[in-house]
C-alpha atoms as a PDB file:
ATOM      1  CA  UNK A   1       0.000   0.000   0.000  1.00  0.00           C
ATOM      2  CA  UNK A   2       2.800   2.401   0.875  1.00  0.00           C
ATOM      3  CA  UNK A   3       4.499   1.714  -2.433  1.00  0.00           C
ATOM      4  CA  UNK A   4       1.430   2.870  -4.390  1.00  0.00           C
ATOM      5  CA  UNK A   5       1.177   6.076  -2.367  1.00  0.00           C
ATOM      6  CA  UNK A   6       4.866   6.865  -2.949  1.00  0.00           C
ATOM      7  CA  UNK A   7       4.463   6.145  -6.659  1.00  0.00           C
ATOM      8  CA  UNK A   8       1.362   8.359  -6.904  1.00  0.00           C
ATOM      9  CA  UNK A   9       3.069  11.166  -4.982  1.00  0.00           C
ATOM     10  CA  UNK A  10       6.131  10.882  -7.210  1.00  0.00           C
ATOM     11  CA  UNK A  11       3.976  11.146 -10.356  1.00  0.00           C
ATOM     12  CA  UNK A  12       2.094  14.120  -8.890  1.00  0.00           C
ATOM     13  CA  UNK A  13       5.333  15.972  -8.074  1.00  0.00           C
ATOM     14  CA  UNK A  14       6.729  15.208 -11.531  1.00  0.00           C
ATOM     15  CA  UNK A  15       3.604  16.579 -13.232  1.00  0.00           C
ATOM     16  CA  UNK A  16       3.676  19.659 -11.010  1.00  0.00           C
ATOM     17  CA  UNK A  17       7.346  20.259 -11.851  1.00  0.00           C
ATOM     18  CA  UNK A  18       6.698  19.961 -15.609  1.00  0.00           C
ATOM     19  CA  UNK A  19       3.728  22.349 -15.372  1.00  0.00           C
ATOM     20  CA  UNK A  20       5.817  24.867 -13.431  1.00  0.00           C
ATOM     21  CA  UNK A  21       8.629  24.619 -15.984  1.00  0.00           C
ATOM     22  CA  UNK A  22       6.203  25.213 -18.878  1.00  0.00           C
ATOM     23  CA  UNK A  23       4.684  28.248 -17.129  1.00  0.00           C
ATOM     24  CA  UNK A  24       8.087  29.775 -16.367  1.00  0.00           C
ATOM     25  CA  UNK A  25       9.293  29.209 -19.925  1.00  0.00           C
ATOM     26  CA  UNK A  26       6.136  30.841 -21.326  1.00  0.00           C
ATOM     27  CA  UNK A  27       6.529  33.885 -19.087  1.00  0.00           C
ATOM     28  CA  UNK A  28      10.172  34.374 -19.972  1.00  0.00           C
ATOM     29  CA  UNK A  29       9.527  34.111 -23.724  1.00  0.00           C
ATOM     30  CA  UNK A  30       6.818  36.807 -23.711  1.00  0.00           C
ATOM     31  CA  UNK A  31       8.999  39.365 -21.954  1.00  0.00           C
ATOM     32  CA  UNK A  32      11.956  39.405 -24.309  1.00  0.00           C
ATOM     33  CA  UNK A  33      13.371  42.814 -25.143  1.00  0.00           C
ATOM     34  CA  UNK A  34      12.948  43.944 -28.747  1.00  0.00           C
ATOM     35  CA  UNK A  35      15.674  46.266 -30.006  1.00  0.00           C
ATOM     36  CA  UNK A  36      14.739  48.682 -32.793  1.00  0.00           C
ATOM     37  CA  UNK A  37      16.304  51.626 -34.574  1.00  0.00           C
ATOM     38  CA  UNK A  38      14.641  54.950 -35.302  1.00  0.00           C
ATOM     39  CA  UNK A  39      12.578  54.675 -38.487  1.00  0.00           C
ATOM     40  CA  UNK A  40      12.501  50.846 -38.292  1.00  0.00           C
ATOM     41  CA  UNK A  41       9.116  49.095 -38.204  1.00  0.00           C
ATOM     42  CA  UNK A  42       8.892  46.522 -35.426  1.00  0.00           C
ATOM     43  CA  UNK A  43       6.257  44.383 -33.735  1.00  0.00           C
ATOM     44  CA  UNK A  44       5.400  43.832 -30.069  1.00  0.00           C
ATOM     45  CA  UNK A  45       3.263  41.101 -28.548  1.00  0.00           C
ATOM     46  CA  UNK A  46       1.451  41.838 -25.303  1.00  0.00           C
ATOM     47  CA  UNK A  47       4.003  41.912 -22.498  1.00  0.00           C
ATOM     48  CA  UNK A  48       6.979  42.797 -24.708  1.00  0.00           C
ATOM     49  CA  UNK A  49       9.125  45.912 -24.444  1.00  0.00           C
ATOM     50  CA  UNK A  50      11.047  47.641 -27.228  1.00  0.00           C
ATOM     51  CA  UNK A  51      14.220  49.607 -26.588  1.00  0.00           C
ATOM     52  CA  UNK A  52      14.953  52.223 -29.245  1.00  0.00           C
ATOM     53  CA  UNK A  53      18.664  51.964 -29.978  1.00  0.00           C
ATOM     54  CA  UNK A  54      20.833  54.979 -29.090  1.00  0.00           C
ATOM     55  CA  UNK A  55      17.792  56.760 -27.624  1.00  0.00           C
ATOM     56  CA  UNK A  56      16.585  57.064 -24.000  1.00  0.00           C
ATOM     57  CA  UNK A  57      13.206  55.589 -25.032  1.00  0.00           C
ATOM     58  CA  UNK A  58      11.445  52.281 -24.486  1.00  0.00           C
ATOM     59  CA  UNK A  59       7.860  51.185 -25.122  1.00  0.00           C
ATOM     60  CA  UNK A  60       6.039  48.339 -23.373  1.00  0.00           C
ATOM     61  CA  UNK A  61       2.828  46.894 -24.838  1.00  0.00           C
ATOM     62  CA  UNK A  62       0.705  46.053 -21.785  1.00  0.00           C
ATOM     63  CA  UNK A  63      -2.489  44.962 -23.508  1.00  0.00           C
ATOM     64  CA  UNK A  64      -5.667  45.759 -25.392  1.00  0.00           C
ATOM     65  CA  UNK A  65      -8.019  48.117 -23.540  1.00  0.00           C
ATOM     66  CA  UNK A  66     -10.794  47.539 -26.077  1.00  0.00           C
ATOM     67  CA  UNK A  67     -11.360  46.424 -29.659  1.00  0.00           C
ATOM     68  CA  UNK A  68     -14.612  47.513 -31.297  1.00  0.00           C
ATOM     69  CA  UNK A  69     -13.366  47.534 -34.913  1.00  0.00           C
ATOM     70  CA  UNK A  70     -15.989  46.481 -37.429  1.00  0.00           C
ATOM     71  CA  UNK A  71     -15.038  42.964 -38.595  1.00  0.00           C
ATOM     72  CA  UNK A  72     -14.409  42.251 -42.263  1.00  0.00           C
ATOM     73  CA  UNK A  73     -17.493  40.750 -43.881  1.00  0.00           C
ATOM     74  CA  UNK A  74     -19.889  42.804 -41.734  1.00  0.00           C
ATOM     75  CA  UNK A  75     -21.610  46.115 -42.498  1.00  0.00           C
ATOM     76  CA  UNK A  76     -21.345  48.564 -39.605  1.00  0.00           C
ATOM     77  CA  UNK A  77     -22.490  52.120 -39.007  1.00  0.00           C
ATOM     78  CA  UNK A  78     -19.252  52.871 -37.197  1.00  0.00           C
ATOM     79  CA  UNK A  79     -15.731  51.658 -38.088  1.00  0.00           C
ATOM     80  CA  UNK A  80     -14.934  51.164 -34.408  1.00  0.00           C
ATOM     81  CA  UNK A  81     -11.514  51.460 -32.840  1.00  0.00           C
ATOM     82  CA  UNK A  82      -8.850  49.524 -31.009  1.00  0.00           C
ATOM     83  CA  UNK A  83      -7.116  50.859 -27.876  1.00  0.00           C
ATOM     84  CA  UNK A  84      -3.721  49.682 -26.657  1.00  0.00           C
ATOM     85  CA  UNK A  85      -2.307  50.275 -23.196  1.00  0.00           C
ATOM     86  CA  UNK A  86       1.403  51.055 -23.350  1.00  0.00           C
ATOM     87  CA  UNK A  87       4.046  52.411 -21.025  1.00  0.00           C
ATOM     88  CA  UNK A  88       6.494  54.764 -22.704  1.00  0.00           C
ATOM     89  CA  UNK A  89       9.660  55.356 -20.719  1.00  0.00           C
ATOM     90  CA  UNK A  90      11.745  58.389 -21.634  1.00  0.00           C
ATOM     91  CA  UNK A  91      14.976  59.116 -19.784  1.00  0.00           C
ATOM     92  CA  UNK A  92      13.918  56.705 -17.040  1.00  0.00           C
ATOM     93  CA  UNK A  93      10.490  58.293 -16.464  1.00  0.00           C
ATOM     94  CA  UNK A  94       7.550  56.000 -17.350  1.00  0.00           C
ATOM     95  CA  UNK A  95       4.248  57.338 -18.696  1.00  0.00           C
ATOM     96  CA  UNK A  96       1.067  55.343 -19.206  1.00  0.00           C
ATOM     97  CA  UNK A  97      -0.523  55.978 -22.595  1.00  0.00           C
ATOM     98  CA  UNK A  98      -3.461  54.666 -24.588  1.00  0.00           C
ATOM     99  CA  UNK A  99      -2.843  54.405 -28.319  1.00  0.00           C
ATOM    100  CA  UNK A 100      -6.126  54.495 -30.259  1.00  0.00           C
ATOM    101  CA  UNK A 101      -6.499  53.466 -33.890  1.00  0.00           C
ATOM    102  CA  UNK A 102      -9.756  53.853 -35.811  1.00  0.00           C
ATOM    103  CA  UNK A 103     -10.979  50.760 -37.605  1.00  0.00           C
ATOM    104  CA  UNK A 104     -11.209  52.821 -40.792  1.00  0.00           C
ATOM    105  CA  UNK A 105      -7.487  53.715 -40.746  1.00  0.00           C
ATOM    106  CA  UNK A 106      -4.495  51.665 -41.816  1.00  0.00           C
ATOM    107  CA  UNK A 107      -2.404  53.278 -39.070  1.00  0.00           C
ATOM    108  CA  UNK A 108      -2.409  56.105 -36.562  1.00  0.00           C
ATOM    109  CA  UNK A 109       0.204  58.350 -35.013  1.00  0.00           C
ATOM    110  CA  UNK A 110       0.885  60.396 -31.936  1.00  0.00           C
ATOM    111  CA  UNK A 111       3.768  62.405 -30.568  1.00  0.00           C
ATOM    112  CA  UNK A 112       5.570  61.868 -27.305  1.00  0.00           C
ATOM    113  CA  UNK A 113       8.256  64.355 -26.257  1.00  0.00           C
ATOM    114  CA  UNK A 114      10.568  64.573 -29.263  1.00  0.00           C
ATOM    115  CA  UNK A 115       9.273  61.429 -30.999  1.00  0.00           C
ATOM    116  CA  UNK A 116       6.510  60.470 -33.427  1.00  0.00           C
ATOM    117  CA  UNK A 117       4.949  57.049 -32.857  1.00  0.00           C
ATOM    118  CA  UNK A 118       3.318  55.554 -35.955  1.00  0.00           C
ATOM    119  CA  UNK A 119       1.336  52.445 -35.083  1.00  0.00           C
ATOM    120  CA  UNK A 120      -1.234  49.888 -36.104  1.00  0.00           C
ATOM    121  CA  UNK A 121      -2.752  46.826 -34.465  1.00  0.00           C
ATOM    122  CA  UNK A 122      -2.955  43.349 -35.978  1.00  0.00           C
ATOM    123  CA  UNK A 123      -4.787  41.155 -36.661  1.00  0.00           C
ATOM    124  CA  UNK A 124      -7.874  42.892 -37.987  1.00  0.00           C
ATOM    125  CA  UNK A 125     -11.117  41.260 -36.762  1.00  0.00           C
ATOM    126  CA  UNK A 126     -12.982  38.902 -39.074  1.00  0.00           C
ATOM    127  CA  UNK A 127     -16.650  37.990 -38.830  1.00  0.00           C
ATOM    128  CA  UNK A 128     -17.163  34.881 -36.723  1.00  0.00           C
ATOM    129  CA  UNK A 129     -13.569  34.694 -35.441  1.00  0.00           C
ATOM    130  CA  UNK A 130     -12.422  35.601 -31.946  1.00  0.00           C
ATOM    131  CA  UNK A 131      -8.967  37.185 -31.567  1.00  0.00           C
ATOM    132  CA  UNK A 132      -7.038  35.685 -28.672  1.00  0.00           C
ATOM    133  CA  UNK A 133      -4.845  37.868 -26.487  1.00  0.00           C
ATOM    134  CA  UNK A 134      -1.747  36.041 -27.737  1.00  0.00           C
ATOM    135  CA  UNK A 135      -2.536  36.988 -31.358  1.00  0.00           C
ATOM    136  CA  UNK A 136      -2.502  40.768 -30.894  1.00  0.00           C
ATOM    137  CA  UNK A 137       0.550  42.659 -32.177  1.00  0.00           C
ATOM    138  CA  UNK A 138       1.309  46.345 -31.952  1.00  0.00           C
ATOM    139  CA  UNK A 139       3.241  47.400 -35.074  1.00  0.00           C
ATOM    140  CA  UNK A 140       5.309  50.519 -34.398  1.00  0.00           C
ATOM    141  CA  UNK A 141       7.721  52.883 -36.086  1.00  0.00           C
ATOM    142  CA  UNK A 142       9.417  55.538 -33.960  1.00  0.00           C
ATOM    143  CA  UNK A 143      10.761  58.676 -35.623  1.00  0.00           C
ATOM    144  CA  UNK A 144      12.557  61.614 -34.059  1.00  0.00           C
ATOM    145  CA  UNK A 145      10.851  64.951 -34.661  1.00  0.00           C
ATOM    146  CA  UNK A 146      12.935  67.622 -36.405  1.00  0.00           C
END
Protein backbone atom coordinates (compact mmCIF):
# COMPACT_ATOMS: atom_id res chain seq x y z
CA UNK A 1 0.00 0.00 0.00
CA UNK A 2 2.80 2.40 0.87
CA UNK A 3 4.50 1.71 -2.43
CA UNK A 4 1.43 2.87 -4.39
CA UNK A 5 1.18 6.08 -2.37
CA UNK A 6 4.87 6.86 -2.95
CA UNK A 7 4.46 6.14 -6.66
CA UNK A 8 1.36 8.36 -6.90
CA UNK A 9 3.07 11.17 -4.98
CA UNK A 10 6.13 10.88 -7.21
CA UNK A 11 3.98 11.15 -10.36
CA UNK A 12 2.09 14.12 -8.89
CA UNK A 13 5.33 15.97 -8.07
CA UNK A 14 6.73 15.21 -11.53
CA UNK A 15 3.60 16.58 -13.23
CA UNK A 16 3.68 19.66 -11.01
CA UNK A 17 7.35 20.26 -11.85
CA UNK A 18 6.70 19.96 -15.61
CA UNK A 19 3.73 22.35 -15.37
CA UNK A 20 5.82 24.87 -13.43
CA UNK A 21 8.63 24.62 -15.98
CA UNK A 22 6.20 25.21 -18.88
CA UNK A 23 4.68 28.25 -17.13
CA UNK A 24 8.09 29.78 -16.37
CA UNK A 25 9.29 29.21 -19.93
CA UNK A 26 6.14 30.84 -21.33
CA UNK A 27 6.53 33.89 -19.09
CA UNK A 28 10.17 34.37 -19.97
CA UNK A 29 9.53 34.11 -23.72
CA UNK A 30 6.82 36.81 -23.71
CA UNK A 31 9.00 39.37 -21.95
CA UNK A 32 11.96 39.41 -24.31
CA UNK A 33 13.37 42.81 -25.14
CA UNK A 34 12.95 43.94 -28.75
CA UNK A 35 15.67 46.27 -30.01
CA UNK A 36 14.74 48.68 -32.79
CA UNK A 37 16.30 51.63 -34.57
CA UNK A 38 14.64 54.95 -35.30
CA UNK A 39 12.58 54.68 -38.49
CA UNK A 40 12.50 50.85 -38.29
CA UNK A 41 9.12 49.09 -38.20
CA UNK A 42 8.89 46.52 -35.43
CA UNK A 43 6.26 44.38 -33.73
CA UNK A 44 5.40 43.83 -30.07
CA UNK A 45 3.26 41.10 -28.55
CA UNK A 46 1.45 41.84 -25.30
CA UNK A 47 4.00 41.91 -22.50
CA UNK A 48 6.98 42.80 -24.71
CA UNK A 49 9.13 45.91 -24.44
CA UNK A 50 11.05 47.64 -27.23
CA UNK A 51 14.22 49.61 -26.59
CA UNK A 52 14.95 52.22 -29.25
CA UNK A 53 18.66 51.96 -29.98
CA UNK A 54 20.83 54.98 -29.09
CA UNK A 55 17.79 56.76 -27.62
CA UNK A 56 16.58 57.06 -24.00
CA UNK A 57 13.21 55.59 -25.03
CA UNK A 58 11.45 52.28 -24.49
CA UNK A 59 7.86 51.18 -25.12
CA UNK A 60 6.04 48.34 -23.37
CA UNK A 61 2.83 46.89 -24.84
CA UNK A 62 0.71 46.05 -21.78
CA UNK A 63 -2.49 44.96 -23.51
CA UNK A 64 -5.67 45.76 -25.39
CA UNK A 65 -8.02 48.12 -23.54
CA UNK A 66 -10.79 47.54 -26.08
CA UNK A 67 -11.36 46.42 -29.66
CA UNK A 68 -14.61 47.51 -31.30
CA UNK A 69 -13.37 47.53 -34.91
CA UNK A 70 -15.99 46.48 -37.43
CA UNK A 71 -15.04 42.96 -38.60
CA UNK A 72 -14.41 42.25 -42.26
CA UNK A 73 -17.49 40.75 -43.88
CA UNK A 74 -19.89 42.80 -41.73
CA UNK A 75 -21.61 46.11 -42.50
CA UNK A 76 -21.35 48.56 -39.61
CA UNK A 77 -22.49 52.12 -39.01
CA UNK A 78 -19.25 52.87 -37.20
CA UNK A 79 -15.73 51.66 -38.09
CA UNK A 80 -14.93 51.16 -34.41
CA UNK A 81 -11.51 51.46 -32.84
CA UNK A 82 -8.85 49.52 -31.01
CA UNK A 83 -7.12 50.86 -27.88
CA UNK A 84 -3.72 49.68 -26.66
CA UNK A 85 -2.31 50.27 -23.20
CA UNK A 86 1.40 51.05 -23.35
CA UNK A 87 4.05 52.41 -21.03
CA UNK A 88 6.49 54.76 -22.70
CA UNK A 89 9.66 55.36 -20.72
CA UNK A 90 11.74 58.39 -21.63
CA UNK A 91 14.98 59.12 -19.78
CA UNK A 92 13.92 56.71 -17.04
CA UNK A 93 10.49 58.29 -16.46
CA UNK A 94 7.55 56.00 -17.35
CA UNK A 95 4.25 57.34 -18.70
CA UNK A 96 1.07 55.34 -19.21
CA UNK A 97 -0.52 55.98 -22.59
CA UNK A 98 -3.46 54.67 -24.59
CA UNK A 99 -2.84 54.41 -28.32
CA UNK A 100 -6.13 54.50 -30.26
CA UNK A 101 -6.50 53.47 -33.89
CA UNK A 102 -9.76 53.85 -35.81
CA UNK A 103 -10.98 50.76 -37.61
CA UNK A 104 -11.21 52.82 -40.79
CA UNK A 105 -7.49 53.72 -40.75
CA UNK A 106 -4.49 51.67 -41.82
CA UNK A 107 -2.40 53.28 -39.07
CA UNK A 108 -2.41 56.11 -36.56
CA UNK A 109 0.20 58.35 -35.01
CA UNK A 110 0.88 60.40 -31.94
CA UNK A 111 3.77 62.41 -30.57
CA UNK A 112 5.57 61.87 -27.30
CA UNK A 113 8.26 64.36 -26.26
CA UNK A 114 10.57 64.57 -29.26
CA UNK A 115 9.27 61.43 -31.00
CA UNK A 116 6.51 60.47 -33.43
CA UNK A 117 4.95 57.05 -32.86
CA UNK A 118 3.32 55.55 -35.95
CA UNK A 119 1.34 52.45 -35.08
CA UNK A 120 -1.23 49.89 -36.10
CA UNK A 121 -2.75 46.83 -34.47
CA UNK A 122 -2.96 43.35 -35.98
CA UNK A 123 -4.79 41.16 -36.66
CA UNK A 124 -7.87 42.89 -37.99
CA UNK A 125 -11.12 41.26 -36.76
CA UNK A 126 -12.98 38.90 -39.07
CA UNK A 127 -16.65 37.99 -38.83
CA UNK A 128 -17.16 34.88 -36.72
CA UNK A 129 -13.57 34.69 -35.44
CA UNK A 130 -12.42 35.60 -31.95
CA UNK A 131 -8.97 37.19 -31.57
CA UNK A 132 -7.04 35.68 -28.67
CA UNK A 133 -4.85 37.87 -26.49
CA UNK A 134 -1.75 36.04 -27.74
CA UNK A 135 -2.54 36.99 -31.36
CA UNK A 136 -2.50 40.77 -30.89
CA UNK A 137 0.55 42.66 -32.18
CA UNK A 138 1.31 46.34 -31.95
CA UNK A 139 3.24 47.40 -35.07
CA UNK A 140 5.31 50.52 -34.40
CA UNK A 141 7.72 52.88 -36.09
CA UNK A 142 9.42 55.54 -33.96
CA UNK A 143 10.76 58.68 -35.62
CA UNK A 144 12.56 61.61 -34.06
CA UNK A 145 10.85 64.95 -34.66
CA UNK A 146 12.94 67.62 -36.40
